[in-house]
Amino acid sequence: PPKPIDKPLRIPIQDVYSITGVGTVPVGRVETGVLKTGDTVVFEPSGKTGEVKSIEMHHEPIPKAEPGDNIGFNVRGIAKNEIKRGDVAGLPNAPPTVVSEFTARIAVLQHPTAIAAGYTPVFHVHTAQVACQITEIINKLDPKTGAVLEDHPQFIKRGDMATIKVRPTKPLVIEKVSDIPQLARFAIRDMGMTIAAGVCIDVVKAK
């Protein structure tokens, strides 16, 4: 498939290094869009902005980075402690979406009992790991057809597919699957296992 270079830039940050004589160097994989030397980038949810001085891949300088590239890029104007793993870099004209709430479709893979509203497991979205509360189970779906089986069920369990409302306990970047599918997918983990997998279908922006 063609690389999603026409979509807005999204680079989930894996690590941030401070290199003597160079400065702050975030490391991550370009999921969508293109990053070029000289670009101004914004990191969300940290809200920090800086200028890209150089880009490296496999210890070689490159003028631009495209989807699939694992890169380190030197950013001027940002201290190492101002950004962190789980931040997403984008361009200021189409910044990463920080949500206060989102709607998702999930498939429950395993759970010892049942999942009800109020459950607050850890959502793994790109490089972020954030505890999120399932505030509402909107409906239960037929896993084969996607048809609604039941509205507002009390709980869902292993093997069920459902639409849920989710409220992160702290700022989180996630995108709608219709906009940027690469940043819409997530796993829900609890008790040392993957409870569910899902995609974000709608967002309420935090700002």
Foldseek 3Di string as FASTA:
>chain_A
DDFQQVAFWKWQFQFWDQDPPQGIKTKTFTAHHKAFQQAWKAKPPLGDIWHWHWKDAPNHTDGMHTGGTTIITGTPPDHRVSDGGQIIITHPVDHFFKFQKFKKKKAFAADPPWAAFQDWFWKCFRRDTFTKGFHFFQFWADPVPRHGPGGGDRTGGHGIITMTMIGTPDIHGADACVRRVNRFKIFTDDPHDTGIIIGTHGGHGPD
